[in-house]
Amino acid sequence: MSDAYRGHHLIADLHDAAHLTDVAHVERCLIDAAAAAGATLLEVRLHSFGPGQGVTGMAMLAESHISIHTWPEYGSACIDLFLCGRRHDLDAALDTIVARLEARVAKRTLLTRDLGS
């Protein structure tokens, strides 16, 4: 099977993160991460749970998605990056989010998704 039929799914848990309640900042993280990955951004949808509360959301991509869920009370965020094709750089996308949130990666898992029959 060729890599053109595979997706790469990077899941990361971030700790010691900042800006986790700032919807505009989180949106910018997702936009910049999509650009860093070389992905095609279609739309960003975010939801804030209120002042001082977490943010959840997703960047919908032509190639799949980037999602984030934040827990400001713990300084944590969970990131999910799923992209299809060889040309995308999931590490660059994650590095962008980590830098923008001033976080550290506590756990990182990379899966290869078989998209063929």
PDB file of N, CA and C in Angstrom:
ATOM      1  N   MET A   1       0.841  -1.183   0.000  1.00  0.00           N
ATOM      2  CA  MET A   1       0.000   0.000   0.000  1.00  0.00           C
ATOM      3  C   MET A   1       0.886   1.246   0.000  1.00  0.00           C
ATOM      4  N   SER A   2       0.543   2.196  -0.808  1.00  0.00           N
ATOM      5  CA  SER A   2       1.284   3.444  -0.911  1.00  0.00           C
ATOM      6  C   SER A   2       0.908   4.387   0.227  1.00  0.00           C
ATOM      7  N   ASP A   3       1.835   5.299   0.582  1.00  0.00           N
ATOM      8  CA  ASP A   3       1.553   6.275   1.639  1.00  0.00           C
ATOM      9  C   ASP A   3       0.400   7.206   1.276  1.00  0.00           C
ATOM     10  N   ALA A   4       0.084   7.323  -0.011  1.00  0.00           N
ATOM     11  CA  ALA A   4      -1.015   8.198  -0.432  1.00  0.00           C
ATOM     12  C   ALA A   4      -2.340   7.724   0.154  1.00  0.00           C
ATOM     13  N   TYR A   5      -2.413   6.480   0.565  1.00  0.00           N
ATOM     14  CA  TYR A   5      -3.636   5.923   1.128  1.00  0.00           C
ATOM     15  C   TYR A   5      -3.549   5.757   2.636  1.00  0.00           C
ATOM     16  N   ARG A   6      -2.640   6.420   3.243  1.00  0.00           N
ATOM     17  CA  ARG A   6      -2.495   6.349   4.691  1.00  0.00           C
ATOM     18  C   ARG A   6      -2.686   7.719   5.304  1.00  0.00           C
ATOM     19  N   GLY A   7      -3.218   7.696   6.494  1.00  0.00           N
ATOM     20  CA  GLY A   7      -3.329   8.926   7.258  1.00  0.00           C
ATOM     21  C   GLY A   7      -2.415   8.808   8.464  1.00  0.00           C
ATOM     22  N   HIS A   8      -1.955   9.922   8.936  1.00  0.00           N
ATOM     23  CA  HIS A   8      -1.126   9.934  10.136  1.00  0.00           C
ATOM     24  C   HIS A   8      -1.872  10.709  11.205  1.00  0.00           C
ATOM     25  N   HIS A   9      -1.976  10.094  12.359  1.00  0.00           N
ATOM     26  CA  HIS A   9      -2.787  10.615  13.463  1.00  0.00           C
ATOM     27  C   HIS A   9      -1.862  10.822  14.660  1.00  0.00           C
ATOM     28  N   LEU A  10      -1.627  12.072  14.998  1.00  0.00           N
ATOM     29  CA  LEU A  10      -0.758  12.423  16.114  1.00  0.00           C
ATOM     30  C   LEU A  10      -1.626  12.920  17.263  1.00  0.00           C
ATOM     31  N   ILE A  11      -1.485  12.268  18.403  1.00  0.00           N
ATOM     32  CA  ILE A  11      -2.240  12.624  19.606  1.00  0.00           C
ATOM     33  C   ILE A  11      -1.230  13.071  20.657  1.00  0.00           C
ATOM     34  N   ALA A  12      -1.497  14.211  21.281  1.00  0.00           N
ATOM     35  CA  ALA A  12      -0.547  14.734  22.271  1.00  0.00           C
ATOM     36  C   ALA A  12      -1.273  15.327  23.469  1.00  0.00           C
ATOM     37  N   ASP A  13      -0.688  15.103  24.637  1.00  0.00           N
ATOM     38  CA  ASP A  13      -1.145  15.722  25.874  1.00  0.00           C
ATOM     39  C   ASP A  13      -0.125  16.787  26.248  1.00  0.00           C
ATOM     40  N   LEU A  14      -0.598  18.017  26.433  1.00  0.00           N
ATOM     41  CA  LEU A  14       0.275  19.128  26.798  1.00  0.00           C
ATOM     42  C   LEU A  14       0.046  19.509  28.245  1.00  0.00           C
ATOM     43  N   HIS A  15       1.131  19.846  28.923  1.00  0.00           N
ATOM     44  CA  HIS A  15       1.056  20.301  30.307  1.00  0.00           C
ATOM     45  C   HIS A  15       1.754  21.653  30.431  1.00  0.00           C
ATOM     46  N   ASP A  16       1.531  22.312  31.565  1.00  0.00           N
ATOM     47  CA  ASP A  16       2.143  23.610  31.869  1.00  0.00           C
ATOM     48  C   ASP A  16       1.847  24.646  30.786  1.00  0.00           C
ATOM     49  N   ALA A  17       0.644  24.582  30.231  1.00  0.00           N
ATOM     50  CA  ALA A  17       0.261  25.445  29.113  1.00  0.00           C
ATOM     51  C   ALA A  17      -0.371  26.751  29.596  1.00  0.00           C
ATOM     52  N   ALA A  18      -0.273  27.761  28.747  1.00  0.00           N
ATOM     53  CA  ALA A  18      -0.856  29.081  29.019  1.00  0.00           C
ATOM     54  C   ALA A  18      -1.902  29.405  27.955  1.00  0.00           C
ATOM     55  N   HIS A  19      -2.669  30.459  28.183  1.00  0.00           N
ATOM     56  CA  HIS A  19      -3.654  30.981  27.220  1.00  0.00           C
ATOM     57  C   HIS A  19      -4.803  30.007  26.955  1.00  0.00           C
ATOM     58  N   LEU A  20      -5.088  29.117  27.874  1.00  0.00           N
ATOM     59  CA  LEU A  20      -6.053  28.046  27.645  1.00  0.00           C
ATOM     60  C   LEU A  20      -7.517  28.497  27.720  1.00  0.00           C
ATOM     61  N   THR A  21      -7.758  29.715  28.169  1.00  0.00           N
ATOM     62  CA  THR A  21      -9.128  30.238  28.223  1.00  0.00           C
ATOM     63  C   THR A  21      -9.383  31.271  27.122  1.00  0.00           C
ATOM     64  N   ASP A  22      -8.370  31.611  26.375  1.00  0.00           N
ATOM     65  CA  ASP A  22      -8.420  32.679  25.372  1.00  0.00           C
ATOM     66  C   ASP A  22      -8.817  32.094  24.008  1.00  0.00           C
ATOM     67  N   VAL A  23     -10.089  32.231  23.651  1.00  0.00           N
ATOM     68  CA  VAL A  23     -10.608  31.643  22.412  1.00  0.00           C
ATOM     69  C   VAL A  23      -9.865  32.167  21.187  1.00  0.00           C
ATOM     70  N   ALA A  24      -9.619  33.464  21.136  1.00  0.00           N
ATOM     71  CA  ALA A  24      -8.926  34.036  19.977  1.00  0.00           C
ATOM     72  C   ALA A  24      -7.512  33.471  19.852  1.00  0.00           C
ATOM     73  N   HIS A  25      -6.841  33.286  20.988  1.00  0.00           N
ATOM     74  CA  HIS A  25      -5.488  32.729  20.972  1.00  0.00           C
ATOM     75  C   HIS A  25      -5.508  31.267  20.521  1.00  0.00           C
ATOM     76  N   VAL A  26      -6.447  30.500  21.026  1.00  0.00           N
ATOM     77  CA  VAL A  26      -6.565  29.092  20.631  1.00  0.00           C
ATOM     78  C   VAL A  26      -6.886  28.992  19.137  1.00  0.00           C
ATOM     79  N   GLU A  27      -7.757  29.866  18.656  1.00  0.00           N
ATOM     80  CA  GLU A  27      -8.069  29.868  17.219  1.00  0.00           C
ATOM     81  C   GLU A  27      -6.819  30.130  16.392  1.00  0.00           C
ATOM     82  N   ARG A  28      -6.022  31.109  16.813  1.00  0.00           N
ATOM     83  CA  ARG A  28      -4.781  31.427  16.092  1.00  0.00           C
ATOM     84  C   ARG A  28      -3.828  30.229  16.111  1.00  0.00           C
ATOM     85  N   CYS A  29      -3.786  29.498  17.233  1.00  0.00           N
ATOM     86  CA  CYS A  29      -2.948  28.287  17.323  1.00  0.00           C
ATOM     87  C   CYS A  29      -3.341  27.279  16.254  1.00  0.00           C
ATOM     88  N   LEU A  30      -4.633  27.042  16.099  1.00  0.00           N
ATOM     89  CA  LEU A  30      -5.103  26.059  15.128  1.00  0.00           C
ATOM     90  C   LEU A  30      -4.836  26.518  13.696  1.00  0.00           C
ATOM     91  N   ILE A  31      -5.055  27.783  13.425  1.00  0.00           N
ATOM     92  CA  ILE A  31      -4.798  28.324  12.089  1.00  0.00           C
ATOM     93  C   ILE A  31      -3.317  28.208  11.752  1.00  0.00           C
ATOM     94  N   ASP A  32      -2.466  28.613  12.685  1.00  0.00           N
ATOM     95  CA  ASP A  32      -1.021  28.558  12.454  1.00  0.00           C
ATOM     96  C   ASP A  32      -0.519  27.116  12.349  1.00  0.00           C
ATOM     97  N   ALA A  33      -1.114  26.204  13.129  1.00  0.00           N
ATOM     98  CA  ALA A  33      -0.721  24.792  13.071  1.00  0.00           C
ATOM     99  C   ALA A  33      -1.070  24.194  11.712  1.00  0.00           C
ATOM    100  N   ALA A  34      -2.247  24.524  11.198  1.00  0.00           N
ATOM    101  CA  ALA A  34      -2.641  24.029   9.874  1.00  0.00           C
ATOM    102  C   ALA A  34      -1.659  24.519   8.808  1.00  0.00           C
ATOM    103  N   ALA A  35      -1.296  25.784   8.891  1.00  0.00           N
ATOM    104  CA  ALA A  35      -0.335  26.340   7.932  1.00  0.00           C
ATOM    105  C   ALA A  35       1.027  25.655   8.063  1.00  0.00           C
ATOM    106  N   ALA A  36       1.467  25.443   9.299  1.00  0.00           N
ATOM    107  CA  ALA A  36       2.766  24.783   9.527  1.00  0.00           C
ATOM    108  C   ALA A  36       2.784  23.366   8.980  1.00  0.00           C
ATOM    109  N   ALA A  37       1.639  22.706   9.023  1.00  0.00           N
ATOM    110  CA  ALA A  37       1.540  21.328   8.522  1.00  0.00           C
ATOM    111  C   ALA A  37       1.456  21.283   7.004  1.00  0.00           C
ATOM    112  N   GLY A  38       1.167  22.413   6.372  1.00  0.00           N
ATOM    113  CA  GLY A  38       0.961  22.439   4.928  1.00  0.00           C
ATOM    114  C   GLY A  38      -0.419  21.944   4.545  1.00  0.00           C
ATOM    115  N   ALA A  39      -1.375  22.098   5.463  1.00  0.00           N
ATOM    116  CA  ALA A  39      -2.739  21.623   5.243  1.00  0.00           C
ATOM    117  C   ALA A  39      -3.630  22.752   4.722  1.00  0.00           C
ATOM    118  N   THR A  40      -4.785  22.365   4.195  1.00  0.00           N
ATOM    119  CA  THR A  40      -5.757  23.310   3.654  1.00  0.00           C
ATOM    120  C   THR A  40      -6.865  23.542   4.671  1.00  0.00           C
ATOM    121  N   LEU A  41      -6.890  24.721   5.263  1.00  0.00           N
ATOM    122  CA  LEU A  41      -7.878  25.063   6.277  1.00  0.00           C
ATOM    123  C   LEU A  41      -9.225  25.363   5.633  1.00  0.00           C
ATOM    124  N   LEU A  42     -10.269  24.702   6.120  1.00  0.00           N
ATOM    125  CA  LEU A  42     -11.625  24.949   5.637  1.00  0.00           C
ATOM    126  C   LEU A  42     -12.399  25.851   6.590  1.00  0.00           C
ATOM    127  N   GLU A  43     -12.313  25.544   7.891  1.00  0.00           N
ATOM    128  CA  GLU A  43     -13.084  26.295   8.881  1.00  0.00           C
ATOM    129  C   GLU A  43     -12.561  25.974  10.274  1.00  0.00           C
ATOM    130  N   VAL A  44     -12.671  26.944  11.181  1.00  0.00           N
ATOM    131  CA  VAL A  44     -12.352  26.719  12.591  1.00  0.00           C
ATOM    132  C   VAL A  44     -13.629  26.928  13.395  1.00  0.00           C
ATOM    133  N   ARG A  45     -13.944  25.986  14.269  1.00  0.00           N
ATOM    134  CA  ARG A  45     -15.109  26.080  15.166  1.00  0.00           C
ATOM    135  C   ARG A  45     -14.616  25.860  16.586  1.00  0.00           C
ATOM    136  N   LEU A  46     -14.930  26.820  17.459  1.00  0.00           N
ATOM    137  CA  LEU A  46     -14.499  26.743  18.857  1.00  0.00           C
ATOM    138  C   LEU A  46     -15.672  27.041  19.783  1.00  0.00           C
ATOM    139  N   HIS A  47     -15.570  26.510  20.984  1.00  0.00           N
ATOM    140  CA  HIS A  47     -16.566  26.786  22.016  1.00  0.00           C
ATOM    141  C   HIS A  47     -15.845  27.052  23.329  1.00  0.00           C
ATOM    142  N   SER A  48     -16.149  28.176  23.951  1.00  0.00           N
ATOM    143  CA  SER A  48     -15.644  28.486  25.285  1.00  0.00           C
ATOM    144  C   SER A  48     -16.708  28.087  26.293  1.00  0.00           C
ATOM    145  N   PHE A  49     -16.277  27.519  27.393  1.00  0.00           N
ATOM    146  CA  PHE A  49     -17.224  27.119  28.434  1.00  0.00           C
ATOM    147  C   PHE A  49     -17.472  28.243  29.442  1.00  0.00           C
ATOM    148  N   GLY A  50     -16.984  29.454  29.137  1.00  0.00           N
ATOM    149  CA  GLY A  50     -17.238  30.619  29.971  1.00  0.00           C
ATOM    150  C   GLY A  50     -15.957  31.214  30.513  1.00  0.00           C
ATOM    151  N   PRO A  51     -16.065  32.374  31.159  1.00  0.00           N
ATOM    152  CA  PRO A  51     -14.883  33.045  31.709  1.00  0.00           C
ATOM    153  C   PRO A  51     -14.090  32.120  32.638  1.00  0.00           C
ATOM    154  N   GLY A  52     -12.803  32.022  32.369  1.00  0.00           N
ATOM    155  CA  GLY A  52     -11.929  31.194  33.185  1.00  0.00           C
ATOM    156  C   GLY A  52     -12.055  29.702  32.926  1.00  0.00           C
ATOM    157  N   GLN A  53     -12.907  29.332  31.978  1.00  0.00           N
ATOM    158  CA  GLN A  53     -13.149  27.922  31.667  1.00  0.00           C
ATOM    159  C   GLN A  53     -12.384  27.509  30.405  1.00  0.00           C
ATOM    160  N   GLY A  54     -12.425  26.240  30.115  1.00  0.00           N
ATOM    161  CA  GLY A  54     -11.714  25.689  28.965  1.00  0.00           C
ATOM    162  C   GLY A  54     -12.356  26.018  27.630  1.00  0.00           C
ATOM    163  N   VAL A  55     -11.644  25.628  26.598  1.00  0.00           N
ATOM    164  CA  VAL A  55     -12.052  25.824  25.210  1.00  0.00           C
ATOM    165  C   VAL A  55     -11.967  24.473  24.518  1.00  0.00           C
ATOM    166  N   THR A  56     -12.919  24.191  23.668  1.00  0.00           N
ATOM    167  CA  THR A  56     -12.863  22.991  22.843  1.00  0.00           C
ATOM    168  C   THR A  56     -13.119  23.398  21.409  1.00  0.00           C
ATOM    169  N   GLY A  57     -12.493  22.716  20.479  1.00  0.00           N
ATOM    170  CA  GLY A  57     -12.750  23.078  19.099  1.00  0.00           C
ATOM    171  C   GLY A  57     -11.924  22.308  18.107  1.00  0.00           C
ATOM    172  N   MET A  58     -12.132  22.712  16.856  1.00  0.00           N
ATOM    173  CA  MET A  58     -11.532  21.970  15.766  1.00  0.00           C
ATOM    174  C   MET A  58     -11.271  22.875  14.572  1.00  0.00           C
ATOM    175  N   ALA A  59     -10.156  22.597  13.921  1.00  0.00           N
ATOM    176  CA  ALA A  59      -9.882  23.160  12.604  1.00  0.00           C
ATOM    177  C   ALA A  59     -10.217  22.063  11.609  1.00  0.00           C
ATOM    178  N   MET A  60     -11.231  22.305  10.791  1.00  0.00           N
ATOM    179  CA  MET A  60     -11.590  21.336   9.762  1.00  0.00           C
ATOM    180  C   MET A  60     -10.688  21.590   8.558  1.00  0.00           C
ATOM    181  N   LEU A  61     -10.048  20.538   8.103  1.00  0.00           N
ATOM    182  CA  LEU A  61      -9.087  20.632   7.017  1.00  0.00           C
ATOM    183  C   LEU A  61      -9.571  19.815   5.825  1.00  0.00           C
ATOM    184  N   ALA A  62      -9.153  20.181   4.638  1.00  0.00           N
ATOM    185  CA  ALA A  62      -9.464  19.364   3.470  1.00  0.00           C
ATOM    186  C   ALA A  62      -8.867  17.968   3.668  1.00  0.00           C
ATOM    187  N   GLU A  63      -7.775  17.884   4.413  1.00  0.00           N
ATOM    188  CA  GLU A  63      -7.064  16.629   4.626  1.00  0.00           C
ATOM    189  C   GLU A  63      -7.487  15.907   5.903  1.00  0.00           C
ATOM    190  N   SER A  64      -8.315  16.473   6.740  1.00  0.00           N
ATOM    191  CA  SER A  64      -8.910  15.883   7.935  1.00  0.00           C
ATOM    192  C   SER A  64      -9.120  16.950   8.993  1.00  0.00           C
ATOM    193  N   HIS A  65      -8.388  16.908  10.154  1.00  0.00           N
ATOM    194  CA  HIS A  65      -8.692  17.869  11.215  1.00  0.00           C
ATOM    195  C   HIS A  65      -7.542  18.040  12.208  1.00  0.00           C
ATOM    196  N   ILE A  66      -7.647  19.124  12.974  1.00  0.00           N
ATOM    197  CA  ILE A  66      -6.836  19.360  14.170  1.00  0.00           C
ATOM    198  C   ILE A  66      -7.831  19.749  15.251  1.00  0.00           C
ATOM    199  N   SER A  67      -7.805  19.047  16.378  1.00  0.00           N
ATOM    200  CA  SER A  67      -8.718  19.420  17.457  1.00  0.00           C
ATOM    201  C   SER A  67      -7.950  19.711  18.736  1.00  0.00           C
ATOM    202  N   ILE A  68      -8.612  20.464  19.621  1.00  0.00           N
ATOM    203  CA  ILE A  68      -8.016  20.833  20.901  1.00  0.00           C
ATOM    204  C   ILE A  68      -9.099  20.857  21.973  1.00  0.00           C
ATOM    205  N   HIS A  69      -8.728  20.449  23.150  1.00  0.00           N
ATOM    206  CA  HIS A  69      -9.589  20.525  24.336  1.00  0.00           C
ATOM    207  C   HIS A  69      -8.681  21.025  25.457  1.00  0.00           C
ATOM    208  N   THR A  70      -9.071  22.113  26.131  1.00  0.00           N
ATOM    209  CA  THR A  70      -8.203  22.689  27.163  1.00  0.00           C
ATOM    210  C   THR A  70      -8.829  22.566  28.550  1.00  0.00           C
ATOM    211  N   TRP A  71      -7.960  22.402  29.521  1.00  0.00           N
ATOM    212  CA  TRP A  71      -8.332  22.367  30.934  1.00  0.00           C
ATOM    213  C   TRP A  71      -7.432  23.371  31.661  1.00  0.00           C
ATOM    214  N   PRO A  72      -7.842  24.655  31.712  1.00  0.00           N
ATOM    215  CA  PRO A  72      -6.991  25.662  32.335  1.00  0.00           C
ATOM    216  C   PRO A  72      -6.717  25.397  33.810  1.00  0.00           C
ATOM    217  N   GLU A  73      -7.675  24.751  34.492  1.00  0.00           N
ATOM    218  CA  GLU A  73      -7.473  24.468  35.911  1.00  0.00           C
ATOM    219  C   GLU A  73      -6.311  23.509  36.152  1.00  0.00           C
ATOM    220  N   TYR A  74      -5.919  22.775  35.127  1.00  0.00           N
ATOM    221  CA  TYR A  74      -4.783  21.846  35.221  1.00  0.00           C
ATOM    222  C   TYR A  74      -3.605  22.279  34.355  1.00  0.00           C
ATOM    223  N   GLY A  75      -3.771  23.361  33.595  1.00  0.00           N
ATOM    224  CA  GLY A  75      -2.715  23.801  32.679  1.00  0.00           C
ATOM    225  C   GLY A  75      -2.485  22.809  31.561  1.00  0.00           C
ATOM    226  N   SER A  76      -3.550  22.099  31.170  1.00  0.00           N
ATOM    227  CA  SER A  76      -3.419  21.008  30.202  1.00  0.00           C
ATOM    228  C   SER A  76      -4.266  21.231  28.957  1.00  0.00           C
ATOM    229  N   ALA A  77      -3.810  20.626  27.875  1.00  0.00           N
ATOM    230  CA  ALA A  77      -4.571  20.606  26.631  1.00  0.00           C
ATOM    231  C   ALA A  77      -4.323  19.271  25.948  1.00  0.00           C
ATOM    232  N   CYS A  78      -5.354  18.753  25.313  1.00  0.00           N
ATOM    233  CA  CYS A  78      -5.242  17.531  24.517  1.00  0.00           C
ATOM    234  C   CYS A  78      -5.388  17.930  23.050  1.00  0.00           C
ATOM    235  N   ILE A  79      -4.437  17.456  22.250  1.00  0.00           N
ATOM    236  CA  ILE A  79      -4.364  17.812  20.840  1.00  0.00           C
ATOM    237  C   ILE A  79      -4.508  16.547  20.002  1.00  0.00           C
ATOM    238  N   ASP A  80      -5.236  16.680  18.911  1.00  0.00           N
ATOM    239  CA  ASP A  80      -5.461  15.565  17.997  1.00  0.00           C
ATOM    240  C   ASP A  80      -5.238  16.097  16.583  1.00  0.00           C
ATOM    241  N   LEU A  81      -4.225  15.572  15.899  1.00  0.00           N
ATOM    242  CA  LEU A  81      -3.924  15.999  14.528  1.00  0.00           C
ATOM    243  C   LEU A  81      -4.040  14.787  13.615  1.00  0.00           C
ATOM    244  N   PHE A  82      -4.927  14.855  12.639  1.00  0.00           N
ATOM    245  CA  PHE A  82      -5.108  13.753  11.708  1.00  0.00           C
ATOM    246  C   PHE A  82      -5.042  14.308  10.298  1.00  0.00           C
ATOM    247  N   LEU A  83      -4.045  13.864   9.533  1.00  0.00           N
ATOM    248  CA  LEU A  83      -3.849  14.349   8.166  1.00  0.00           C
ATOM    249  C   LEU A  83      -3.550  13.179   7.240  1.00  0.00           C
ATOM    250  N   CYS A  84      -4.034  13.297   6.033  1.00  0.00           N
ATOM    251  CA  CYS A  84      -3.819  12.261   5.033  1.00  0.00           C
ATOM    252  C   CYS A  84      -2.739  12.712   4.054  1.00  0.00           C
ATOM    253  N   GLY A  85      -1.932  11.784   3.611  1.00  0.00           N
ATOM    254  CA  GLY A  85      -0.925  12.071   2.597  1.00  0.00           C
ATOM    255  C   GLY A  85       0.453  12.283   3.178  1.00  0.00           C
ATOM    256  N   ARG A  86       1.431  12.193   2.294  1.00  0.00           N
ATOM    257  CA  ARG A  86       2.837  12.253   2.684  1.00  0.00           C
ATOM    258  C   ARG A  86       3.365  13.653   2.945  1.00  0.00           C
ATOM    259  N   ARG A  87       2.796  14.627   2.308  1.00  0.00           N
ATOM    260  CA  ARG A  87       3.414  15.959   2.292  1.00  0.00           C
ATOM    261  C   ARG A  87       3.175  16.783   3.546  1.00  0.00           C
ATOM    262  N   HIS A  88       2.375  16.301   4.460  1.00  0.00           N
ATOM    263  CA  HIS A  88       2.025  17.095   5.633  1.00  0.00           C
ATOM    264  C   HIS A  88       2.980  16.844   6.791  1.00  0.00           C
ATOM    265  N   ASP A  89       3.231  17.900   7.558  1.00  0.00           N
ATOM    266  CA  ASP A  89       4.198  17.844   8.648  1.00  0.00           C
ATOM    267  C   ASP A  89       3.473  17.988   9.990  1.00  0.00           C
ATOM    268  N   LEU A  90       3.088  16.858  10.560  1.00  0.00           N
ATOM    269  CA  LEU A  90       2.379  16.866  11.840  1.00  0.00           C
ATOM    270  C   LEU A  90       3.262  17.397  12.964  1.00  0.00           C
ATOM    271  N   ASP A  91       4.556  17.101  12.912  1.00  0.00           N
ATOM    272  CA  ASP A  91       5.466  17.595  13.952  1.00  0.00           C
ATOM    273  C   ASP A  91       5.528  19.117  13.949  1.00  0.00           C
ATOM    274  N   ALA A  92       5.551  19.720  12.770  1.00  0.00           N
ATOM    275  CA  ALA A  92       5.568  21.190  12.684  1.00  0.00           C
ATOM    276  C   ALA A  92       4.277  21.768  13.239  1.00  0.00           C
ATOM    277  N   ALA A  93       3.158  21.109  12.970  1.00  0.00           N
ATOM    278  CA  ALA A  93       1.881  21.576  13.512  1.00  0.00           C
ATOM    279  C   ALA A  93       1.876  21.508  15.034  1.00  0.00           C
ATOM    280  N   LEU A  94       2.318  20.378  15.576  1.00  0.00           N
ATOM    281  CA  LEU A  94       2.358  20.233  17.034  1.00  0.00           C
ATOM    282  C   LEU A  94       3.332  21.234  17.646  1.00  0.00           C
ATOM    283  N   ASP A  95       4.501  21.392  17.047  1.00  0.00           N
ATOM    284  CA  ASP A  95       5.485  22.358  17.560  1.00  0.00           C
ATOM    285  C   ASP A  95       4.905  23.763  17.609  1.00  0.00           C
ATOM    286  N   THR A  96       4.106  24.110  16.620  1.00  0.00           N
ATOM    287  CA  THR A  96       3.474  25.430  16.569  1.00  0.00           C
ATOM    288  C   THR A  96       2.511  25.608  17.736  1.00  0.00           C
ATOM    289  N   ILE A  97       1.681  24.608  17.988  1.00  0.00           N
ATOM    290  CA  ILE A  97       0.724  24.694  19.094  1.00  0.00           C
ATOM    291  C   ILE A  97       1.455  24.757  20.430  1.00  0.00           C
ATOM    292  N   VAL A  98       2.458  23.923  20.600  1.00  0.00           N
ATOM    293  CA  VAL A  98       3.246  23.896  21.842  1.00  0.00           C
ATOM    294  C   VAL A  98       3.879  25.266  22.095  1.00  0.00           C
ATOM    295  N   ALA A  99       4.472  25.852  21.061  1.00  0.00           N
ATOM    296  CA  ALA A  99       5.112  27.168  21.214  1.00  0.00           C
ATOM    297  C   ALA A  99       4.079  28.243  21.549  1.00  0.00           C
ATOM    298  N   ARG A 100       2.948  28.266  20.856  1.00  0.00           N
ATOM    299  CA  ARG A 100       1.928  29.293  21.075  1.00  0.00           C
ATOM    300  C   ARG A 100       1.290  29.174  22.467  1.00  0.00           C
ATOM    301  N   LEU A 101       1.178  27.946  22.971  1.00  0.00           N
ATOM    302  CA  LEU A 101       0.595  27.751  24.303  1.00  0.00           C
ATOM    303  C   LEU A 101       1.647  27.715  25.405  1.00  0.00           C
ATOM    304  N   GLU A 102       2.918  27.912  25.013  1.00  0.00           N
ATOM    305  CA  GLU A 102       4.021  27.924  25.985  1.00  0.00           C
ATOM    306  C   GLU A 102       3.978  26.656  26.840  1.00  0.00           C
ATOM    307  N   ALA A 103       3.732  25.536  26.188  1.00  0.00           N
ATOM    308  CA  ALA A 103       3.501  24.267  26.878  1.00  0.00           C
ATOM    309  C   ALA A 103       4.678  23.316  26.710  1.00  0.00           C
ATOM    310  N   ARG A 104       4.541  22.179  27.359  1.00  0.00           N
ATOM    311  CA  ARG A 104       5.473  21.073  27.133  1.00  0.00           C
ATOM    312  C   ARG A 104       4.650  19.836  26.791  1.00  0.00           C
ATOM    313  N   VAL A 105       5.229  18.984  25.969  1.00  0.00           N
ATOM    314  CA  VAL A 105       4.550  17.754  25.571  1.00  0.00           C
ATOM    315  C   VAL A 105       4.779  16.710  26.656  1.00  0.00           C
ATOM    316  N   ALA A 106       3.695  16.267  27.289  1.00  0.00           N
ATOM    317  CA  ALA A 106       3.793  15.238  28.326  1.00  0.00           C
ATOM    318  C   ALA A 106       3.709  13.837  27.716  1.00  0.00           C
ATOM    319  N   LYS A 107       2.922  13.719  26.645  1.00  0.00           N
ATOM    320  CA  LYS A 107       2.757  12.423  25.988  1.00  0.00           C
ATOM    321  C   LYS A 107       2.447  12.669  24.525  1.00  0.00           C
ATOM    322  N   ARG A 108       3.020  11.821  23.668  1.00  0.00           N
ATOM    323  CA  ARG A 108       2.852  11.958  22.217  1.00  0.00           C
ATOM    324  C   ARG A 108       2.721  10.560  21.631  1.00  0.00           C
ATOM    325  N   THR A 109       1.692  10.343  20.812  1.00  0.00           N
ATOM    326  CA  THR A 109       1.479   9.044  20.178  1.00  0.00           C
ATOM    327  C   THR A 109       1.198   9.271  18.701  1.00  0.00           C
ATOM    328  N   LEU A 110       1.919   8.558  17.843  1.00  0.00           N
ATOM    329  CA  LEU A 110       1.702   8.661  16.401  1.00  0.00           C
ATOM    330  C   LEU A 110       1.154   7.334  15.889  1.00  0.00           C
ATOM    331  N   LEU A 111       0.032   7.413  15.197  1.00  0.00           N
ATOM    332  CA  LEU A 111      -0.599   6.239  14.605  1.00  0.00           C
ATOM    333  C   LEU A 111      -0.623   6.386  13.100  1.00  0.00           C
ATOM    334  N   THR A 112      -0.467   5.282  12.390  1.00  0.00           N
ATOM    335  CA  THR A 112      -0.678   5.267  10.958  1.00  0.00           C
ATOM    336  C   THR A 112      -2.043   4.658  10.725  1.00  0.00           C
ATOM    337  N   ARG A 113      -2.900   5.402  10.047  1.00  0.00           N
ATOM    338  CA  ARG A 113      -4.270   4.948   9.788  1.00  0.00           C
ATOM    339  C   ARG A 113      -4.329   4.397   8.371  1.00  0.00           C
ATOM    340  N   ASP A 114      -4.822   3.188   8.218  1.00  0.00           N
ATOM    341  CA  ASP A 114      -4.966   2.553   6.914  1.00  0.00           C
ATOM    342  C   ASP A 114      -6.294   2.990   6.315  1.00  0.00           C
ATOM    343  N   LEU A 115      -6.227   3.751   5.229  1.00  0.00           N
ATOM    344  CA  LEU A 115      -7.425   4.295   4.621  1.00  0.00           C
ATOM    345  C   LEU A 115      -7.912   3.459   3.447  1.00  0.00           C
ATOM    346  N   GLY A 116      -7.188   2.370   3.132  1.00  0.00           N
ATOM    347  CA  GLY A 116      -7.563   1.513   2.009  1.00  0.00           C
ATOM    348  C   GLY A 116      -8.550   0.445   2.424  1.00  0.00           C
ATOM    349  N   SER A 117      -8.932  -0.356   1.454  1.00  0.00           N
ATOM    350  CA  SER A 117      -9.883  -1.440   1.753  1.00  0.00           C
ATOM    351  C   SER A 117      -9.165  -2.716   2.164  1.00  0.00           C
TER     352      SER A 117
END
